[in-house]
Amino acid sequence: MCAMPAAFRPARVEPRRLDELADRFGLATTGDGGVLLTGVTLNSEATGPGDLFVALQGVRAHGARFAASAAANGAVAVLTDAAGADEALASGLPVVVAPEPREILGDVAAWLYHTDVDRPLLLGVTGTNGKTSTAHLIGGILDQVGVPAGLSSTAERHVGAERRVAGLTTPEATELHALIARMREAGVEAAAIEVSAQGLSRHRLDGVVFDVAGFTNLSHDHLDDYPDLDAYFAAKAVLFQPDRSRRAVVSLDTEWGARVVAEAGVPVTTISLKGRAAADWTVEVTAETREHTALTLSGPAGETLATKIPVLGQHMAANAGLAIVMLLEAGFPFDRLSAALGGPDGITTHLPGRTELVSGPGAPSIYVDFGHSPHAFRETLAAVRAVATGKVIMVFGADGDRDTTKRADMARAAVEGSDILVITDHHPRFEDPASIRATLMAAAQEAAPEHPLYEEGDPKKAIRLAVSLASPEDSILWAGPGHQNYRDIQGVRTPYSARHEARSALQEAGYQAAPSRDLAS
């Protein structure tokens, strides 16, 4: 079973008194209000000395049940609601009661970690697809211009040169503010943070105001969390109001970008791929190869920056343009960015599990990607097709216990963009994986009855099947697993790496694989 990765925390925090917290947020306290707080956490197992343990109502139990465990691990007080107060008091710790603790959690964490008054420059990226890539591109560009950088993405957390595998796309407010405080402590000057709709809806971003917010796109996804696309859009749109950001850069490559511009309460700069929409900045793809995409970014005053990125696709070029313009809007001079990125190597950032090429020379090109929506499939398959010299083979599965309404569209997009399709399992969670595959198979067969189609439930066998069907000039896209190092089966995170399996499949077939750049979990 995979353990959740350890969160970053600052080494030193100026203590705050519990009664000061109660006064600041207008809360009632029972017990010693003079205890000193140096941290805040939702996880009793991750609690350390001096922590305020936050006990919330969960799906299966109230967090107050774990207050005694938190106390044994060093917690000095508990923040909870009225329903958890008595059980929290039984732990022997002082208790602070709030009507809705989650709604103040971000502001409490910001106050405790002092991130409300002292923090790095923050750049937040939201959208259905491209958030992780754009955040990593921002972080990589900062490294290239010599700025100590931080990162929080679906894939990884970075504090300068220290890197760890991530947990949630947007960490809980307690973890996020601890991460920002650790960045400040380590001398980080600017940080890129991936912002999910769920993170905004569930108060994980509370207490954070971004210097620049970016919007990539919006398409069919997460309709298990939101009733329709309008509600999903509204969840993201709050990022572009003055209590969440100071200014914004918005891609007009989907129709939703224009809505962001119309509804934003902060100054907005726009960007688009050339020919898609009229925008302040445009991105033009000038060359595509197996390993790189070259692009030119053009600005409203005639500025041009020619560079390249080490991944495939026009959508990735759009992400790179968004990253650069966000940094320009944050105050970085154009000449400084141009000097760093305009050389023969371009932007050298590693994008974990984003059309990541795991093949060596002379082998079929295998790309492992995190895309898991119809829009992402279309964009990535088009990118692979643009550089393919032979057939395009696709391997994919669908998440269990997640948005079921997109599955048929995923299968149709996969059929339309591939020459051969292999359907397998992904994260079945508590669903029957055979039932998920049956839905995908039926939609694929309905879309193209004659399309070469295979079903193999075991993803280890599925990628080996795809390699057996491929010639050296062919390309294989394995969509879904991306950077992840586990599979979720019946609620258990089983260790698993698609990138490792793809490399192994190549080597077993006598081909050369690319060196691994995976982070240890």
Protein backbone atom coordinates (compact mmCIF):
# COMPACT_ATOMS: atom_id res chain seq x y z
CA MET A 1 0.00 0.00 0.00
CA CYS A 2 1.28 3.50 -0.88
CA ALA A 3 1.61 5.90 2.03
CA MET A 4 0.57 9.51 1.51
CA PRO A 5 3.66 11.64 0.88
CA ALA A 6 4.98 13.80 3.71
CA ALA A 7 3.96 17.45 3.57
CA PHE A 8 6.40 20.34 3.72
CA ARG A 9 6.44 22.36 6.93
CA PRO A 10 8.49 25.33 8.10
CA ALA A 11 11.24 24.47 10.59
CA ARG A 12 10.43 27.46 12.80
CA VAL A 13 7.20 29.35 13.42
CA GLU A 14 6.72 32.35 15.70
CA PRO A 15 4.25 30.98 18.28
CA ARG A 16 0.70 32.29 18.64
CA ARG A 17 -1.41 31.96 21.79
CA LEU A 18 -4.66 30.04 21.63
CA ASP A 19 -6.60 32.86 23.25
CA GLU A 20 -5.25 35.25 20.60
CA LEU A 21 -6.68 32.95 17.94
CA ALA A 22 -10.03 32.84 19.74
CA ASP A 23 -10.15 36.64 19.99
CA ARG A 24 -9.14 37.17 16.37
CA PHE A 25 -11.81 34.84 14.99
CA GLY A 26 -14.50 35.45 17.65
CA LEU A 27 -14.51 31.91 19.01
CA ALA A 28 -15.34 30.37 22.35
CA THR A 29 -12.54 28.55 24.19
CA THR A 30 -12.63 25.88 26.89
CA GLY A 31 -9.39 25.17 28.76
CA ASP A 32 -6.01 26.87 28.91
CA GLY A 33 -5.98 29.74 26.43
CA GLY A 34 -2.32 30.41 27.06
CA VAL A 35 -0.99 27.39 25.17
CA LEU A 36 1.34 28.27 22.30
CA LEU A 37 0.54 27.19 18.76
CA THR A 38 3.22 26.60 16.13
CA GLY A 39 1.28 24.65 13.50
CA VAL A 40 -2.12 23.43 12.38
CA THR A 41 -3.20 20.10 10.87
CA LEU A 42 -6.24 18.03 9.91
CA ASN A 43 -4.35 14.75 10.19
CA SER A 44 -3.93 13.26 13.67
CA GLU A 45 -1.16 10.97 12.43
CA ALA A 46 0.80 13.91 10.99
CA THR A 47 0.37 16.01 14.13
CA GLY A 48 3.50 17.36 15.77
CA PRO A 49 4.38 19.25 18.97
CA GLY A 50 2.64 22.61 19.20
CA ASP A 51 -0.04 21.83 16.64
CA LEU A 52 -3.64 22.93 16.62
CA PHE A 53 -5.57 19.81 15.59
CA VAL A 54 -8.63 20.62 13.47
CA ALA A 55 -11.42 18.08 13.91
CA LEU A 56 -14.02 18.21 11.12
CA GLN A 57 -17.07 16.11 10.31
CA GLY A 58 -15.96 13.46 7.81
CA VAL A 59 -17.85 11.13 5.53
CA ARG A 60 -17.59 8.18 7.91
CA ALA A 61 -16.67 9.73 11.27
CA HIS A 62 -16.12 13.01 13.05
CA GLY A 63 -12.49 14.09 13.33
CA ALA A 64 -12.96 14.66 17.06
CA ARG A 65 -12.72 10.88 17.44
CA PHE A 66 -8.99 11.26 16.72
CA ALA A 67 -8.32 14.13 19.13
CA ALA A 68 -6.75 11.84 21.74
CA SER A 69 -4.40 10.43 19.10
CA ALA A 70 -3.49 13.97 18.04
CA ALA A 71 -2.79 14.85 21.67
CA ALA A 72 -0.49 11.84 22.00
CA ASN A 73 1.42 13.08 18.95
CA GLY A 74 1.94 16.55 20.38
CA ALA A 75 -1.20 18.59 19.64
CA VAL A 76 -1.80 21.31 22.23
CA ALA A 77 -5.37 22.31 21.31
CA VAL A 78 -8.34 21.34 19.14
CA LEU A 79 -10.46 23.43 16.78
CA THR A 80 -13.81 21.80 16.07
CA ASP A 81 -17.56 22.40 15.73
CA ALA A 82 -20.31 21.97 18.30
CA ALA A 83 -20.88 18.34 17.26
CA GLY A 84 -17.27 17.46 18.04
CA ALA A 85 -16.78 19.57 21.17
CA ASP A 86 -17.50 16.96 23.85
CA GLU A 87 -15.36 14.27 22.24
CA ALA A 88 -12.55 16.79 21.69
CA LEU A 89 -12.68 17.83 25.36
CA ALA A 90 -12.30 14.20 26.37
CA SER A 91 -8.79 14.35 24.94
CA GLY A 92 -7.78 16.68 27.77
CA LEU A 93 -6.77 19.46 25.36
CA PRO A 94 -8.15 23.01 25.27
CA VAL A 95 -10.90 23.26 22.68
CA VAL A 96 -11.96 26.12 20.42
CA VAL A 97 -15.40 25.82 18.85
CA ALA A 98 -16.42 27.40 15.54
CA PRO A 99 -19.80 27.08 13.75
CA GLU A 100 -18.08 26.01 10.49
CA PRO A 101 -14.38 25.33 11.12
CA ARG A 102 -13.56 24.59 7.47
CA GLU A 103 -14.77 28.04 6.41
CA ILE A 104 -12.17 29.77 8.63
CA LEU A 105 -9.43 27.16 8.27
CA GLY A 106 -7.50 28.97 5.53
CA ASP A 107 -7.49 32.24 7.45
CA VAL A 108 -6.49 30.43 10.66
CA ALA A 109 -3.60 28.71 8.87
CA ALA A 110 -2.51 31.98 7.23
CA TRP A 111 -2.51 33.68 10.65
CA LEU A 112 -0.64 30.86 12.39
CA TYR A 113 2.02 30.58 9.68
CA HIS A 114 2.19 34.36 9.09
CA THR A 115 1.55 33.87 5.39
CA ASP A 116 -1.06 36.61 5.50
CA VAL A 117 1.71 39.21 5.84
CA ASP A 118 4.87 37.61 4.46
CA ARG A 119 4.97 35.26 1.47
CA PRO A 120 6.63 34.78 -1.93
CA LEU A 121 5.15 36.04 -5.19
CA LEU A 122 2.33 33.57 -5.99
CA LEU A 123 1.08 32.51 -9.41
CA GLY A 124 -2.04 30.32 -9.52
CA VAL A 125 -3.21 28.29 -12.53
CA THR A 126 -6.68 26.84 -13.05
CA GLY A 127 -8.54 25.14 -15.92
CA THR A 128 -9.66 21.63 -16.84
CA ASN A 129 -6.49 20.65 -18.68
CA GLY A 130 -2.99 22.09 -18.65
CA LYS A 131 -2.85 23.28 -15.03
CA THR A 132 -0.02 20.97 -14.04
CA SER A 133 1.99 21.59 -17.20
CA THR A 134 1.65 25.38 -16.90
CA ALA A 135 2.61 25.32 -13.21
CA HIS A 136 5.71 23.21 -13.95
CA LEU A 137 6.62 25.47 -16.88
CA ILE A 138 6.41 28.52 -14.59
CA GLY A 139 8.59 26.80 -12.02
CA GLY A 140 11.10 25.73 -14.65
CA ILE A 141 11.29 29.18 -16.21
CA LEU A 142 11.90 30.71 -12.80
CA ASP A 143 14.79 28.28 -12.32
CA GLN A 144 16.21 29.25 -15.70
CA VAL A 145 16.16 32.97 -14.92
CA GLY A 146 17.84 32.32 -11.58
CA VAL A 147 14.88 32.98 -9.28
CA PRO A 148 14.54 30.63 -6.26
CA ALA A 149 11.25 28.90 -7.04
CA GLY A 150 8.50 26.89 -5.42
CA LEU A 151 5.81 24.66 -6.89
CA SER A 152 2.61 22.91 -5.86
CA SER A 153 1.04 20.70 -8.53
CA THR A 154 -0.94 17.50 -8.93
CA ALA A 155 2.36 15.73 -9.52
CA GLU A 156 4.95 17.30 -7.22
CA ARG A 157 5.75 19.87 -4.53
CA HIS A 158 9.01 21.84 -4.85
CA VAL A 159 10.77 24.07 -2.35
CA GLY A 160 13.84 25.21 -4.23
CA ALA A 161 15.80 22.09 -5.13
CA GLU A 162 13.88 19.85 -2.70
CA ARG A 163 11.12 17.88 -4.43
CA ARG A 164 8.42 15.53 -3.19
CA VAL A 165 5.54 13.59 -4.73
CA ALA A 166 2.22 15.38 -4.23
CA GLY A 167 -1.01 14.18 -2.66
CA LEU A 168 -4.11 16.22 -3.53
CA THR A 169 -4.03 18.53 -6.58
CA THR A 170 -4.71 21.47 -4.28
CA PRO A 171 -3.55 20.63 -0.75
CA GLU A 172 -5.73 21.31 2.27
CA ALA A 173 -5.42 24.87 3.54
CA THR A 174 -3.36 23.71 6.51
CA GLU A 175 -0.81 22.03 4.23
CA LEU A 176 -0.82 24.81 1.64
CA HIS A 177 -0.01 27.56 4.12
CA ALA A 178 2.66 25.39 5.75
CA LEU A 179 4.15 24.86 2.29
CA ILE A 180 4.15 28.60 1.54
CA ALA A 181 5.74 29.27 4.93
CA ARG A 182 8.43 26.68 4.22
CA MET A 183 9.05 28.31 0.82
CA ARG A 184 9.49 31.70 2.49
CA GLU A 185 11.83 30.19 5.06
CA ALA A 186 13.93 28.60 2.30
CA GLY A 187 14.28 31.87 0.39
CA VAL A 188 11.82 31.07 -2.39
CA GLU A 189 10.96 34.30 -4.22
CA ALA A 190 8.14 33.09 -6.48
CA ALA A 191 5.93 30.01 -6.60
CA ALA A 192 3.48 28.40 -9.02
CA ILE A 193 0.41 26.76 -7.49
CA GLU A 194 -2.08 24.55 -9.32
CA VAL A 195 -5.65 25.52 -8.43
CA SER A 196 -8.51 23.03 -8.80
CA ALA A 197 -12.22 23.82 -8.80
CA GLN A 198 -12.63 21.49 -5.82
CA GLY A 199 -9.84 23.32 -4.01
CA LEU A 200 -11.73 26.58 -4.39
CA SER A 201 -15.13 25.08 -3.52
CA ARG A 202 -13.81 23.25 -0.46
CA HIS A 203 -11.93 26.22 1.03
CA ARG A 204 -8.45 24.81 0.41
CA LEU A 205 -7.31 28.10 -1.17
CA ASP A 206 -8.78 30.32 1.54
CA GLY A 207 -6.31 32.84 2.94
CA VAL A 208 -4.30 32.93 -0.32
CA VAL A 209 -4.32 35.88 -2.73
CA PHE A 210 -2.43 35.28 -5.98
CA ASP A 211 -0.37 38.00 -7.58
CA VAL A 212 -1.32 36.55 -10.99
CA ALA A 213 -3.99 33.96 -11.78
CA GLY A 214 -4.01 32.01 -15.06
CA PHE A 215 -6.83 30.24 -16.92
CA THR A 216 -6.05 27.46 -19.44
CA ASN A 217 -9.41 26.13 -20.66
CA LEU A 218 -12.60 24.41 -19.57
CA SER A 219 -14.17 21.23 -20.90
CA HIS A 220 -16.29 18.25 -19.82
CA ASP A 221 -15.00 16.92 -16.50
CA HIS A 222 -15.87 16.66 -12.80
CA LEU A 223 -19.61 16.45 -13.31
CA ASP A 224 -19.65 14.09 -10.36
CA ASP A 225 -18.80 17.12 -8.20
CA TYR A 226 -20.79 19.78 -10.06
CA PRO A 227 -24.31 19.49 -11.58
CA ASP A 228 -23.33 20.96 -14.95
CA LEU A 229 -20.58 22.82 -16.81
CA ASP A 230 -21.93 26.20 -15.73
CA ALA A 231 -21.57 25.25 -12.07
CA TYR A 232 -18.10 23.82 -12.74
CA PHE A 233 -17.13 27.08 -14.47
CA ALA A 234 -18.53 29.16 -11.60
CA ALA A 235 -16.36 27.24 -9.14
CA LYS A 236 -13.25 28.23 -11.10
CA ALA A 237 -14.36 31.77 -11.92
CA VAL A 238 -14.09 32.90 -8.28
CA LEU A 239 -10.29 32.79 -8.69
CA PHE A 240 -10.52 35.91 -10.85
CA GLN A 241 -12.03 38.17 -8.21
CA PRO A 242 -10.08 40.65 -6.01
CA ASP A 243 -10.26 38.51 -2.88
CA ARG A 244 -8.44 35.70 -4.74
CA SER A 245 -6.07 37.41 -7.19
CA ARG A 246 -4.67 40.77 -8.24
CA ARG A 247 -4.55 40.29 -12.02
CA ALA A 248 -5.09 37.52 -14.55
CA VAL A 249 -3.92 35.98 -17.81
CA VAL A 250 -6.69 34.14 -19.66
CA SER A 251 -6.48 31.80 -22.64
CA LEU A 252 -9.22 32.34 -25.21
CA ASP A 253 -8.67 28.93 -26.83
CA THR A 254 -12.00 27.67 -25.47
CA GLU A 255 -15.23 29.66 -25.35
CA TRP A 256 -15.05 29.73 -21.56
CA GLY A 257 -12.05 32.08 -21.66
CA ALA A 258 -14.22 34.91 -22.95
CA ARG A 259 -16.60 34.30 -20.04
CA VAL A 260 -13.73 34.55 -17.57
CA VAL A 261 -12.76 37.89 -19.13
CA ALA A 262 -16.35 39.16 -18.98
CA GLU A 263 -16.85 38.18 -15.35
CA ALA A 264 -13.37 38.89 -13.92
CA GLY A 265 -13.07 41.54 -11.25
CA VAL A 266 -9.34 42.05 -11.81
CA PRO A 267 -7.28 43.36 -14.78
CA VAL A 268 -7.01 40.71 -17.51
CA THR A 269 -4.48 40.03 -20.26
CA THR A 270 -5.51 37.52 -22.95
CA ILE A 271 -3.60 34.91 -24.95
CA SER A 272 -4.49 32.46 -27.71
CA LEU A 273 -3.00 30.09 -30.22
CA LYS A 274 -2.60 31.96 -33.51
CA GLY A 275 -5.79 31.84 -35.56
CA ARG A 276 -8.09 30.74 -32.74
CA ALA A 277 -9.13 34.08 -31.23
CA ALA A 278 -8.16 37.75 -31.12
CA ALA A 279 -5.96 38.18 -28.05
CA ASP A 280 -3.27 40.43 -26.59
CA TRP A 281 -0.65 37.69 -27.00
CA THR A 282 -0.53 34.91 -29.58
CA VAL A 283 1.34 31.61 -29.72
CA GLU A 284 2.37 30.06 -33.03
CA VAL A 285 3.79 26.56 -33.28
CA THR A 286 6.71 26.62 -35.72
CA ALA A 287 7.99 23.02 -35.55
CA GLU A 288 7.05 19.69 -33.96
CA THR A 289 9.30 16.68 -33.39
CA ARG A 290 9.22 13.50 -31.33
CA GLU A 291 10.97 15.28 -28.45
CA HIS A 292 10.17 19.01 -28.82
CA THR A 293 7.66 21.63 -29.90
CA ALA A 294 9.00 24.98 -31.13
CA LEU A 295 6.90 28.12 -30.77
CA THR A 296 6.91 31.87 -31.12
CA LEU A 297 5.15 34.13 -28.63
CA SER A 298 4.10 37.54 -30.00
CA GLY A 299 2.92 40.48 -27.91
CA PRO A 300 0.79 43.61 -28.33
CA ALA A 301 3.79 45.92 -28.75
CA GLY A 302 5.46 43.77 -31.39
CA GLU A 303 7.53 41.69 -28.96
CA THR A 304 8.49 38.20 -30.13
CA LEU A 305 10.09 35.34 -28.24
CA ALA A 306 11.06 32.15 -30.05
CA THR A 307 11.63 29.12 -27.84
CA LYS A 308 10.81 25.41 -27.56
CA ILE A 309 9.48 22.98 -24.98
CA PRO A 310 10.49 19.33 -24.37
CA VAL A 311 6.97 17.95 -24.95
CA LEU A 312 4.52 17.48 -27.81
CA GLY A 313 1.59 19.49 -28.94
CA GLN A 314 0.00 22.80 -29.74
CA HIS A 315 -1.86 22.63 -26.42
CA MET A 316 1.51 22.39 -24.65
CA ALA A 317 2.79 25.38 -26.62
CA ALA A 318 -0.31 27.26 -25.44
CA ASN A 319 0.54 26.31 -21.85
CA ALA A 320 4.09 27.60 -22.32
CA GLY A 321 2.81 30.90 -23.70
CA LEU A 322 0.45 31.26 -20.75
CA ALA A 323 3.30 30.58 -18.31
CA ILE A 324 5.54 33.21 -19.91
CA VAL A 325 2.83 35.89 -20.01
CA MET A 326 1.90 35.20 -16.39
CA LEU A 327 5.52 35.88 -15.43
CA LEU A 328 5.49 39.06 -17.52
CA GLU A 329 2.34 40.19 -15.72
CA ALA A 330 4.06 39.39 -12.42
CA GLY A 331 6.73 41.95 -13.28
CA PHE A 332 9.54 39.95 -14.87
CA PRO A 333 11.08 41.94 -17.76
CA PHE A 334 10.53 40.59 -21.27
CA ASP A 335 14.24 40.88 -22.11
CA ARG A 336 15.18 38.80 -19.06
CA LEU A 337 12.81 35.99 -20.03
CA SER A 338 13.80 36.18 -23.69
CA ALA A 339 17.50 35.91 -22.85
CA ALA A 340 16.90 32.83 -20.68
CA LEU A 341 14.47 31.01 -22.97
CA GLY A 342 15.54 32.03 -26.45
CA GLY A 343 18.64 29.84 -26.67
CA PRO A 344 18.90 26.50 -28.50
CA ASP A 345 17.64 24.51 -25.49
CA GLY A 346 14.52 26.64 -25.00
CA ILE A 347 12.53 25.81 -21.87
CA THR A 348 14.18 22.79 -20.26
CA THR A 349 11.50 21.95 -17.69
CA HIS A 350 10.65 18.29 -17.04
CA LEU A 351 6.87 17.78 -17.09
CA PRO A 352 6.20 14.54 -15.17
CA GLY A 353 3.67 12.29 -16.89
CA ARG A 354 2.62 14.92 -19.44
CA THR A 355 3.09 13.35 -22.90
CA GLU A 356 6.30 12.05 -21.32
CA LEU A 357 8.41 10.11 -23.80
CA VAL A 358 9.73 6.94 -22.16
CA SER A 359 11.23 5.33 -25.29
CA GLY A 360 14.83 5.34 -26.40
CA PRO A 361 16.21 5.57 -29.96
CA GLY A 362 14.92 2.98 -32.43
CA ALA A 363 11.91 2.02 -30.31
CA PRO A 364 8.20 2.72 -30.79
CA SER A 365 7.48 6.12 -29.26
CA ILE A 366 5.58 5.56 -26.00
CA TYR A 367 4.09 8.65 -24.37
CA VAL A 368 2.65 8.38 -20.85
CA ASP A 369 0.11 11.10 -20.14
CA PHE A 370 -2.21 12.15 -17.31
CA GLY A 371 -5.05 13.26 -19.61
CA HIS A 372 -8.39 11.83 -18.52
CA SER A 373 -11.06 13.84 -20.35
CA PRO A 374 -12.39 13.82 -23.93
CA HIS A 375 -10.82 17.23 -24.64
CA ALA A 376 -7.44 16.09 -23.31
CA PHE A 377 -7.59 12.93 -25.43
CA ARG A 378 -8.28 14.92 -28.61
CA GLU A 379 -5.49 17.43 -27.97
CA THR A 380 -2.88 14.82 -27.05
CA LEU A 381 -3.76 12.38 -29.83
CA ALA A 382 -3.51 15.24 -32.33
CA ALA A 383 -0.07 16.08 -30.92
CA VAL A 384 1.11 12.48 -31.26
CA ARG A 385 -0.37 12.21 -34.76
CA ALA A 386 1.51 15.34 -35.85
CA VAL A 387 4.89 13.68 -35.24
CA ALA A 388 3.99 10.03 -35.88
CA THR A 389 5.62 8.26 -38.79
CA GLY A 390 3.50 5.13 -38.42
CA LYS A 391 0.36 3.98 -36.62
CA VAL A 392 -0.98 5.66 -33.46
CA ILE A 393 -1.93 3.13 -30.79
CA MET A 394 -3.79 4.28 -27.69
CA VAL A 395 -4.09 2.60 -24.29
CA PHE A 396 -6.52 3.99 -21.72
CA GLY A 397 -8.98 3.25 -18.95
CA ALA A 398 -11.46 5.32 -16.96
CA ASP A 399 -11.56 6.26 -13.28
CA GLY A 400 -14.02 4.42 -11.09
CA ASP A 401 -16.30 6.40 -8.76
CA ARG A 402 -15.72 9.55 -10.81
CA ASP A 403 -17.66 11.43 -13.49
CA THR A 404 -19.36 8.65 -15.48
CA THR A 405 -20.94 11.04 -18.00
CA LYS A 406 -17.65 11.56 -19.85
CA ARG A 407 -16.75 7.89 -20.40
CA ALA A 408 -18.51 7.42 -23.74
CA ASP A 409 -17.04 10.69 -25.05
CA MET A 410 -13.58 9.56 -23.94
CA ALA A 411 -13.98 6.33 -25.91
CA ARG A 412 -15.21 8.19 -28.99
CA ALA A 413 -12.30 10.64 -28.84
CA ALA A 414 -9.88 7.72 -28.46
CA VAL A 415 -11.30 5.95 -31.52
CA GLU A 416 -11.30 9.09 -33.64
CA GLY A 417 -7.65 9.87 -32.88
CA SER A 418 -6.04 6.43 -32.95
CA ASP A 419 -5.44 3.61 -35.42
CA ILE A 420 -5.58 0.87 -32.76
CA LEU A 421 -7.22 1.10 -29.33
CA VAL A 422 -6.49 -0.98 -26.21
CA ILE A 423 -8.95 -0.50 -23.33
CA THR A 424 -7.73 -1.42 -19.86
CA ASP A 425 -8.30 -0.63 -16.18
CA HIS A 426 -7.17 2.53 -14.42
CA HIS A 427 -8.35 3.36 -10.87
CA PRO A 428 -11.45 1.17 -10.45
CA ARG A 429 -11.82 2.25 -6.81
CA PHE A 430 -15.04 0.61 -5.58
CA GLU A 431 -16.56 0.06 -9.04
CA ASP A 432 -16.48 -3.20 -10.98
CA PRO A 433 -13.65 -2.66 -13.48
CA ALA A 434 -15.23 -5.02 -16.00
CA SER A 435 -18.34 -2.82 -16.03
CA ILE A 436 -16.24 0.30 -16.69
CA ARG A 437 -14.47 -1.44 -19.56
CA ALA A 438 -17.78 -2.65 -20.98
CA THR A 439 -19.06 0.94 -21.18
CA LEU A 440 -15.89 2.08 -22.93
CA MET A 441 -15.87 -0.88 -25.33
CA ALA A 442 -19.51 -0.36 -26.29
CA ALA A 443 -19.00 3.36 -26.96
CA ALA A 444 -15.87 2.68 -29.03
CA GLN A 445 -17.58 -0.03 -31.09
CA GLU A 446 -20.61 2.18 -31.68
CA ALA A 447 -18.40 5.06 -32.84
CA ALA A 448 -16.36 2.92 -35.26
CA PRO A 449 -17.42 -0.74 -35.61
CA GLU A 450 -14.43 -1.65 -37.80
CA HIS A 451 -11.80 0.06 -35.63
CA PRO A 452 -9.14 -2.37 -34.31
CA LEU A 453 -10.10 -2.71 -30.65
CA TYR A 454 -8.66 -4.79 -27.81
CA GLU A 455 -9.71 -5.28 -24.19
CA GLU A 456 -7.14 -6.19 -21.55
CA GLY A 457 -8.03 -5.47 -17.93
CA ASP A 458 -4.52 -5.76 -16.50
CA PRO A 459 -2.68 -2.55 -17.46
CA LYS A 460 0.69 -4.34 -17.22
CA LYS A 461 -0.49 -6.74 -19.92
CA ALA A 462 -2.23 -3.95 -21.84
CA ILE A 463 0.95 -1.94 -22.42
CA ARG A 464 2.82 -5.12 -23.41
CA LEU A 465 0.00 -5.92 -25.86
CA ALA A 466 0.33 -2.43 -27.33
CA VAL A 467 4.09 -2.86 -27.74
CA SER A 468 3.55 -6.22 -29.43
CA LEU A 469 1.22 -4.52 -31.93
CA ALA A 470 3.72 -1.77 -32.68
CA SER A 471 6.59 -1.42 -35.12
CA PRO A 472 9.55 0.86 -34.38
CA GLU A 473 8.00 3.67 -36.44
CA ASP A 474 4.69 3.53 -34.51
CA SER A 475 3.59 5.67 -31.54
CA ILE A 476 1.75 4.58 -28.39
CA LEU A 477 -0.16 6.98 -26.13
CA TRP A 478 -0.95 5.60 -22.67
CA ALA A 479 -3.46 8.09 -21.29
CA GLY A 480 -4.61 8.40 -17.70
CA PRO A 481 -1.89 7.30 -15.26
CA GLY A 482 0.68 10.00 -16.03
CA HIS A 483 2.95 10.68 -13.06
CA GLN A 484 0.96 8.62 -10.55
CA ASN A 485 2.75 5.89 -8.62
CA TYR A 486 -0.29 3.86 -7.54
CA ARG A 487 -3.62 2.35 -8.57
CA ASP A 488 -6.69 2.81 -6.36
CA ILE A 489 -8.36 -0.60 -6.00
CA GLN A 490 -11.11 -1.07 -3.40
CA GLY A 491 -9.84 1.98 -1.52
CA VAL A 492 -6.27 0.70 -1.34
CA ARG A 493 -3.45 2.59 -3.07
CA THR A 494 -1.51 -0.24 -4.68
CA PRO A 495 2.06 0.68 -5.77
CA TYR A 496 2.14 1.01 -9.55
CA SER A 497 4.03 3.12 -12.08
CA ALA A 498 2.88 3.29 -15.70
CA ARG A 499 6.17 4.89 -16.69
CA HIS A 500 8.09 1.98 -15.17
CA GLU A 501 5.80 -0.58 -16.82
CA ALA A 502 6.14 1.11 -20.21
CA ARG A 503 9.94 1.10 -19.95
CA SER A 504 9.88 -2.55 -18.88
CA ALA A 505 7.59 -3.49 -21.77
CA LEU A 506 9.98 -1.88 -24.24
CA GLN A 507 13.02 -3.60 -22.75
CA GLU A 508 11.30 -6.99 -22.70
CA ALA A 509 10.57 -6.54 -26.42
CA GLY A 510 14.24 -5.80 -27.11
CA TYR A 511 13.94 -2.02 -27.38
CA GLN A 512 15.78 0.75 -25.54
CA ALA A 513 13.91 2.83 -22.95
CA ALA A 514 14.61 6.40 -21.93
CA PRO A 515 16.22 6.94 -18.49
CA SER A 516 13.81 7.36 -15.61
CA ARG A 517 13.25 10.82 -14.11
CA ASP A 518 10.55 9.66 -11.70
CA LEU A 519 10.54 10.99 -8.14
CA ALA A 520 10.58 8.42 -5.35
CA SER A 521 7.30 8.46 -3.45
